[in-house]
Amino acid sequence: VCCQMLPDAIGKVGNIRNPWDWYVSLWGCARKGALYRSLSGVDGWEARKHWYDDVRNPGHFRQWLRYIIRRSHGKTPRGSNTPAITASAGMLTRRYLKMYTDGSEHDGTALATADDIQAFDARHNFIDRFLRTETLDADLDRLIAEFGGVREARSADDASRNRSERIAHPYYYDNETAALVLENERLIVEKHGYTF
């Protein structure tokens, strides 16, 4: 993204995404990512790798999602300053806390509940403004205009970049898996006002 220099008054800007859409995207492009590579070394991989065969198969996505969320519980992101996170946080929340908080002052206790996670984020999150992935262009234009800046025009190539074959995220979920994401990504859903 190109823009004019903006004043320091903007503060720190972060990016956030709808958690339901994020998981579908993570699954849809997983053959290219570190997650796919790490899963390929796990026992039972041969019986699971068909989950990636068809990006239009909601059944495969749901199996993958249940496995990924269950597998990630109790792990803290590598290199993270955040305290140990239990089953109260999904992968996106863990990533969010790793990127947007300074956990160096924590008291060493685990973030055992959704309330613990929200309190930790309230104390340690250093981002002043968030831009949403799904409205990034409009959010960025508003932010730049607020400080008298003008963003350079985008080319047609920019507008069509990073298109995938997948369908909009609601297609992939059933009630159980939609609720699973809500339960595990409660911090992001509630703080940023996301709905399924």
C-alpha atoms as a PDB file:
ATOM      1  CA  VAL A   1       0.000   0.000   0.000  1.00  0.00           C
ATOM      2  CA  CYS A   2       1.435   3.365  -0.967  1.00  0.00           C
ATOM      3  CA  CYS A   3       0.526   6.572   0.762  1.00  0.00           C
ATOM      4  CA  GLN A   4       1.937   9.925   1.769  1.00  0.00           C
ATOM      5  CA  MET A   5       3.908  10.229   4.979  1.00  0.00           C
ATOM      6  CA  LEU A   6       1.504  10.505   7.894  1.00  0.00           C
ATOM      7  CA  PRO A   7       1.984  12.172  11.272  1.00  0.00           C
ATOM      8  CA  ASP A   8       2.949  10.237  14.403  1.00  0.00           C
ATOM      9  CA  ALA A   9      -0.486  11.087  15.858  1.00  0.00           C
ATOM     10  CA  ILE A  10      -1.915   8.045  14.073  1.00  0.00           C
ATOM     11  CA  GLY A  11      -0.199   5.794  16.603  1.00  0.00           C
ATOM     12  CA  LYS A  12       0.247   2.070  16.095  1.00  0.00           C
ATOM     13  CA  VAL A  13      -2.035   0.403  13.548  1.00  0.00           C
ATOM     14  CA  GLY A  14      -2.869  -3.295  13.446  1.00  0.00           C
ATOM     15  CA  ASN A  15      -4.927  -5.508  11.173  1.00  0.00           C
ATOM     16  CA  ILE A  16      -7.689  -7.908  12.208  1.00  0.00           C
ATOM     17  CA  ARG A  17      -9.856 -10.395  10.315  1.00  0.00           C
ATOM     18  CA  ASN A  18     -13.165 -12.151  10.812  1.00  0.00           C
ATOM     19  CA  PRO A  19     -12.174 -15.356  12.676  1.00  0.00           C
ATOM     20  CA  TRP A  20     -14.591 -17.585  10.748  1.00  0.00           C
ATOM     21  CA  ASP A  21     -13.169 -16.351   7.452  1.00  0.00           C
ATOM     22  CA  TRP A  22      -9.591 -16.604   8.761  1.00  0.00           C
ATOM     23  CA  TYR A  23      -9.912 -20.332   9.492  1.00  0.00           C
ATOM     24  CA  VAL A  24     -11.358 -21.042   6.050  1.00  0.00           C
ATOM     25  CA  SER A  25      -8.506 -19.082   4.481  1.00  0.00           C
ATOM     26  CA  LEU A  26      -5.917 -20.908   6.594  1.00  0.00           C
ATOM     27  CA  TRP A  27      -7.344 -24.238   5.472  1.00  0.00           C
ATOM     28  CA  GLY A  28      -7.729 -23.197   1.829  1.00  0.00           C
ATOM     29  CA  CYS A  29      -4.110 -22.128   1.408  1.00  0.00           C
ATOM     30  CA  ALA A  30      -2.640 -24.600   3.885  1.00  0.00           C
ATOM     31  CA  ARG A  31      -0.757 -26.658   1.281  1.00  0.00           C
ATOM     32  CA  LYS A  32       1.562 -23.671   0.915  1.00  0.00           C
ATOM     33  CA  GLY A  33       2.065 -22.896   4.575  1.00  0.00           C
ATOM     34  CA  ALA A  34       4.045 -23.883   7.639  1.00  0.00           C
ATOM     35  CA  LEU A  35       0.964 -25.404   9.268  1.00  0.00           C
ATOM     36  CA  TYR A  36       0.541 -27.901   6.430  1.00  0.00           C
ATOM     37  CA  ARG A  37       4.222 -28.790   6.568  1.00  0.00           C
ATOM     38  CA  SER A  38       4.096 -29.319  10.334  1.00  0.00           C
ATOM     39  CA  LEU A  39       0.972 -31.480  10.081  1.00  0.00           C
ATOM     40  CA  SER A  40       2.581 -33.678   7.441  1.00  0.00           C
ATOM     41  CA  GLY A  41       4.978 -34.962  10.095  1.00  0.00           C
ATOM     42  CA  VAL A  42       2.261 -35.908  12.611  1.00  0.00           C
ATOM     43  CA  ASP A  43       1.234 -39.511  13.233  1.00  0.00           C
ATOM     44  CA  GLY A  44      -1.862 -40.414  11.227  1.00  0.00           C
ATOM     45  CA  TRP A  45      -1.149 -37.803   8.538  1.00  0.00           C
ATOM     46  CA  GLU A  46      -1.849 -40.166   5.629  1.00  0.00           C
ATOM     47  CA  ALA A  47      -5.416 -40.640   6.880  1.00  0.00           C
ATOM     48  CA  ARG A  48      -5.923 -36.882   7.163  1.00  0.00           C
ATOM     49  CA  LYS A  49      -4.256 -35.323   4.136  1.00  0.00           C
ATOM     50  CA  HIS A  50      -7.411 -35.808   2.018  1.00  0.00           C
ATOM     51  CA  TRP A  51      -8.849 -32.874   4.021  1.00  0.00           C
ATOM     52  CA  TYR A  52      -6.963 -30.605   1.606  1.00  0.00           C
ATOM     53  CA  ASP A  53      -8.058 -32.262  -1.636  1.00  0.00           C
ATOM     54  CA  ASP A  54     -11.102 -30.121  -2.383  1.00  0.00           C
ATOM     55  CA  VAL A  55     -11.437 -26.469  -1.283  1.00  0.00           C
ATOM     56  CA  ARG A  56     -15.188 -26.682  -1.900  1.00  0.00           C
ATOM     57  CA  ASN A  57     -15.803 -29.571   0.505  1.00  0.00           C
ATOM     58  CA  PRO A  58     -17.274 -28.286   3.796  1.00  0.00           C
ATOM     59  CA  GLY A  59     -17.042 -31.743   5.387  1.00  0.00           C
ATOM     60  CA  HIS A  60     -13.277 -31.808   4.945  1.00  0.00           C
ATOM     61  CA  PHE A  61     -12.997 -28.282   6.353  1.00  0.00           C
ATOM     62  CA  ARG A  62     -15.043 -29.195   9.443  1.00  0.00           C
ATOM     63  CA  GLN A  63     -12.922 -32.268  10.142  1.00  0.00           C
ATOM     64  CA  TRP A  64      -9.752 -30.183   9.736  1.00  0.00           C
ATOM     65  CA  LEU A  65     -11.072 -27.372  11.961  1.00  0.00           C
ATOM     66  CA  ARG A  66     -11.994 -29.687  14.830  1.00  0.00           C
ATOM     67  CA  TYR A  67      -8.570 -31.325  14.600  1.00  0.00           C
ATOM     68  CA  ILE A  68      -6.644 -28.023  14.403  1.00  0.00           C
ATOM     69  CA  ILE A  69      -8.435 -26.428  17.343  1.00  0.00           C
ATOM     70  CA  ARG A  70      -8.074 -29.533  19.492  1.00  0.00           C
ATOM     71  CA  ARG A  71      -4.375 -29.871  18.549  1.00  0.00           C
ATOM     72  CA  SER A  72      -3.560 -26.231  19.322  1.00  0.00           C
ATOM     73  CA  HIS A  73      -5.022 -26.128  22.834  1.00  0.00           C
ATOM     74  CA  GLY A  74      -2.515 -25.488  25.567  1.00  0.00           C
ATOM     75  CA  LYS A  75       0.215 -24.237  23.222  1.00  0.00           C
ATOM     76  CA  THR A  76       1.703 -20.760  23.278  1.00  0.00           C
ATOM     77  CA  PRO A  77       3.089 -19.317  20.020  1.00  0.00           C
ATOM     78  CA  ARG A  78       6.828 -19.803  19.615  1.00  0.00           C
ATOM     79  CA  GLY A  79       8.720 -16.699  20.650  1.00  0.00           C
ATOM     80  CA  SER A  80       5.701 -15.295  22.453  1.00  0.00           C
ATOM     81  CA  ASN A  81       5.937 -13.223  25.620  1.00  0.00           C
ATOM     82  CA  THR A  82       2.384 -14.142  26.578  1.00  0.00           C
ATOM     83  CA  PRO A  83       1.790 -16.544  29.443  1.00  0.00           C
ATOM     84  CA  ALA A  84       0.644 -20.082  28.772  1.00  0.00           C
ATOM     85  CA  ILE A  85      -2.782 -20.155  27.143  1.00  0.00           C
ATOM     86  CA  THR A  86      -5.114 -23.036  27.806  1.00  0.00           C
ATOM     87  CA  ALA A  87      -8.141 -24.221  25.855  1.00  0.00           C
ATOM     88  CA  SER A  88      -9.722 -20.764  26.095  1.00  0.00           C
ATOM     89  CA  ALA A  89      -7.950 -19.421  23.019  1.00  0.00           C
ATOM     90  CA  GLY A  90      -7.803 -20.488  19.401  1.00  0.00           C
ATOM     91  CA  MET A  91      -4.986 -20.020  16.924  1.00  0.00           C
ATOM     92  CA  LEU A  92      -6.038 -16.551  15.791  1.00  0.00           C
ATOM     93  CA  THR A  93      -6.284 -15.230  19.359  1.00  0.00           C
ATOM     94  CA  ARG A  94      -2.847 -16.646  20.149  1.00  0.00           C
ATOM     95  CA  ARG A  95      -1.406 -14.987  17.084  1.00  0.00           C
ATOM     96  CA  TYR A  96      -3.186 -11.732  17.942  1.00  0.00           C
ATOM     97  CA  LEU A  97      -1.742 -11.713  21.465  1.00  0.00           C
ATOM     98  CA  LYS A  98       1.724 -12.532  20.162  1.00  0.00           C
ATOM     99  CA  MET A  99       1.655  -9.709  17.613  1.00  0.00           C
ATOM    100  CA  TYR A 100      -0.209  -6.995  19.480  1.00  0.00           C
ATOM    101  CA  THR A 101       0.679  -7.293  23.165  1.00  0.00           C
ATOM    102  CA  ASP A 102       3.792  -6.874  25.229  1.00  0.00           C
ATOM    103  CA  GLY A 103       3.514  -9.720  27.683  1.00  0.00           C
ATOM    104  CA  SER A 104       6.833  -9.036  29.391  1.00  0.00           C
ATOM    105  CA  GLU A 105       5.070  -7.681  32.470  1.00  0.00           C
ATOM    106  CA  HIS A 106       2.764 -10.654  33.057  1.00  0.00           C
ATOM    107  CA  ASP A 107       2.863 -12.389  36.410  1.00  0.00           C
ATOM    108  CA  GLY A 108       3.576 -15.815  34.953  1.00  0.00           C
ATOM    109  CA  THR A 109       0.118 -17.247  35.524  1.00  0.00           C
ATOM    110  CA  ALA A 110      -1.711 -19.053  32.762  1.00  0.00           C
ATOM    111  CA  LEU A 111      -4.523 -17.421  30.857  1.00  0.00           C
ATOM    112  CA  ALA A 112      -7.002 -20.084  31.867  1.00  0.00           C
ATOM    113  CA  THR A 113     -10.308 -18.465  30.914  1.00  0.00           C
ATOM    114  CA  ALA A 114     -11.739 -16.126  28.304  1.00  0.00           C
ATOM    115  CA  ASP A 115     -11.962 -13.451  31.032  1.00  0.00           C
ATOM    116  CA  ASP A 116      -8.224 -13.885  31.784  1.00  0.00           C
ATOM    117  CA  ILE A 117      -7.414 -13.438  28.102  1.00  0.00           C
ATOM    118  CA  GLN A 118      -9.570 -10.316  27.798  1.00  0.00           C
ATOM    119  CA  ALA A 119      -8.010  -8.783  30.926  1.00  0.00           C
ATOM    120  CA  PHE A 120      -4.497  -9.565  29.662  1.00  0.00           C
ATOM    121  CA  ASP A 121      -5.266  -7.966  26.300  1.00  0.00           C
ATOM    122  CA  ALA A 122      -6.746  -4.875  27.983  1.00  0.00           C
ATOM    123  CA  ARG A 123      -3.539  -4.393  29.997  1.00  0.00           C
ATOM    124  CA  HIS A 124      -0.958  -5.207  27.330  1.00  0.00           C
ATOM    125  CA  ASN A 125      -2.368  -4.468  23.862  1.00  0.00           C
ATOM    126  CA  PHE A 126      -0.350  -1.625  22.329  1.00  0.00           C
ATOM    127  CA  ILE A 127      -2.358  -1.056  19.118  1.00  0.00           C
ATOM    128  CA  ASP A 128      -4.143   2.293  18.848  1.00  0.00           C
ATOM    129  CA  ARG A 129      -6.250   1.553  15.749  1.00  0.00           C
ATOM    130  CA  PHE A 130      -7.296  -1.607  13.960  1.00  0.00           C
ATOM    131  CA  LEU A 131      -8.048  -1.991  10.272  1.00  0.00           C
ATOM    132  CA  ARG A 132     -10.301  -4.874   9.223  1.00  0.00           C
ATOM    133  CA  THR A 133      -9.144  -7.132   6.410  1.00  0.00           C
ATOM    134  CA  GLU A 134     -12.654  -7.298   4.949  1.00  0.00           C
ATOM    135  CA  THR A 135     -12.902  -3.467   4.717  1.00  0.00           C
ATOM    136  CA  LEU A 136      -9.189  -2.696   4.469  1.00  0.00           C
ATOM    137  CA  ASP A 137      -9.335  -0.255   1.555  1.00  0.00           C
ATOM    138  CA  ALA A 138     -12.126   1.834   3.080  1.00  0.00           C
ATOM    139  CA  ASP A 139     -10.560   1.734   6.560  1.00  0.00           C
ATOM    140  CA  LEU A 140      -7.175   2.777   5.200  1.00  0.00           C
ATOM    141  CA  ASP A 141      -8.684   5.583   3.114  1.00  0.00           C
ATOM    142  CA  ARG A 142     -10.522   6.897   6.207  1.00  0.00           C
ATOM    143  CA  LEU A 143      -7.390   6.761   8.321  1.00  0.00           C
ATOM    144  CA  ILE A 144      -5.277   8.567   5.758  1.00  0.00           C
ATOM    145  CA  ALA A 145      -7.983  11.183   5.085  1.00  0.00           C
ATOM    146  CA  GLU A 146      -8.323  11.846   8.806  1.00  0.00           C
ATOM    147  CA  PHE A 147      -4.808  13.242   8.725  1.00  0.00           C
ATOM    148  CA  GLY A 148      -5.100  15.048   5.415  1.00  0.00           C
ATOM    149  CA  GLY A 149      -3.348  12.408   3.334  1.00  0.00           C
ATOM    150  CA  VAL A 150      -4.336  10.941  -0.002  1.00  0.00           C
ATOM    151  CA  ARG A 151      -3.583   7.383  -1.032  1.00  0.00           C
ATOM    152  CA  GLU A 152      -2.224   6.715  -4.490  1.00  0.00           C
ATOM    153  CA  ALA A 153      -4.679   5.122  -6.913  1.00  0.00           C
ATOM    154  CA  ARG A 154      -4.671   1.348  -7.045  1.00  0.00           C
ATOM    155  CA  SER A 155      -4.173  -0.524 -10.283  1.00  0.00           C
ATOM    156  CA  ALA A 156      -6.559  -3.167 -11.601  1.00  0.00           C
ATOM    157  CA  ASP A 157      -3.847  -5.752 -10.860  1.00  0.00           C
ATOM    158  CA  ASP A 158      -3.896  -4.797  -7.172  1.00  0.00           C
ATOM    159  CA  ALA A 159      -7.668  -5.240  -6.985  1.00  0.00           C
ATOM    160  CA  SER A 160      -7.559  -8.779  -8.376  1.00  0.00           C
ATOM    161  CA  ARG A 161      -4.557 -10.063  -6.413  1.00  0.00           C
ATOM    162  CA  ASN A 162      -4.834 -13.017  -4.004  1.00  0.00           C
ATOM    163  CA  ARG A 163      -8.141 -14.451  -5.179  1.00  0.00           C
ATOM    164  CA  SER A 164      -8.836 -18.029  -4.106  1.00  0.00           C
ATOM    165  CA  GLU A 165     -11.195 -20.734  -5.324  1.00  0.00           C
ATOM    166  CA  ARG A 166     -13.033 -21.026  -2.048  1.00  0.00           C
ATOM    167  CA  ILE A 167     -16.611 -19.957  -1.383  1.00  0.00           C
ATOM    168  CA  ALA A 168     -17.645 -17.349   1.234  1.00  0.00           C
ATOM    169  CA  HIS A 169     -16.971 -18.643   4.743  1.00  0.00           C
ATOM    170  CA  PRO A 170     -20.564 -19.388   5.968  1.00  0.00           C
ATOM    171  CA  TYR A 171     -20.777 -22.185   3.366  1.00  0.00           C
ATOM    172  CA  TYR A 172     -18.152 -24.235   5.216  1.00  0.00           C
ATOM    173  CA  TYR A 173     -19.621 -24.197   8.717  1.00  0.00           C
ATOM    174  CA  ASP A 174     -22.363 -26.051  10.496  1.00  0.00           C
ATOM    175  CA  ASN A 175     -23.734 -24.985  13.899  1.00  0.00           C
ATOM    176  CA  GLU A 176     -21.144 -26.995  15.816  1.00  0.00           C
ATOM    177  CA  THR A 177     -18.063 -25.665  14.011  1.00  0.00           C
ATOM    178  CA  ALA A 178     -19.352 -22.072  13.949  1.00  0.00           C
ATOM    179  CA  ALA A 179     -19.813 -22.286  17.727  1.00  0.00           C
ATOM    180  CA  LEU A 180     -16.336 -23.792  18.097  1.00  0.00           C
ATOM    181  CA  VAL A 181     -14.757 -20.744  16.474  1.00  0.00           C
ATOM    182  CA  LEU A 182     -16.874 -18.399  18.602  1.00  0.00           C
ATOM    183  CA  GLU A 183     -15.799 -20.188  21.770  1.00  0.00           C
ATOM    184  CA  ASN A 184     -12.092 -20.193  20.869  1.00  0.00           C
ATOM    185  CA  GLU A 185     -11.876 -16.700  19.344  1.00  0.00           C
ATOM    186  CA  ARG A 186     -14.153 -14.896  21.818  1.00  0.00           C
ATOM    187  CA  LEU A 187     -11.630 -12.104  22.454  1.00  0.00           C
ATOM    188  CA  ILE A 188     -11.523 -11.071  18.798  1.00  0.00           C
ATOM    189  CA  VAL A 189     -15.229 -11.625  18.151  1.00  0.00           C
ATOM    190  CA  GLU A 190     -16.325  -9.503  21.120  1.00  0.00           C
ATOM    191  CA  LYS A 191     -13.624  -6.835  21.018  1.00  0.00           C
ATOM    192  CA  HIS A 192     -14.002  -6.176  17.295  1.00  0.00           C
ATOM    193  CA  GLY A 193     -17.738  -6.812  16.966  1.00  0.00           C
ATOM    194  CA  TYR A 194     -17.586  -9.737  14.548  1.00  0.00           C
ATOM    195  CA  THR A 195     -20.598 -11.902  13.805  1.00  0.00           C
ATOM    196  CA  PHE A 196     -20.791 -15.127  11.880  1.00  0.00           C
END
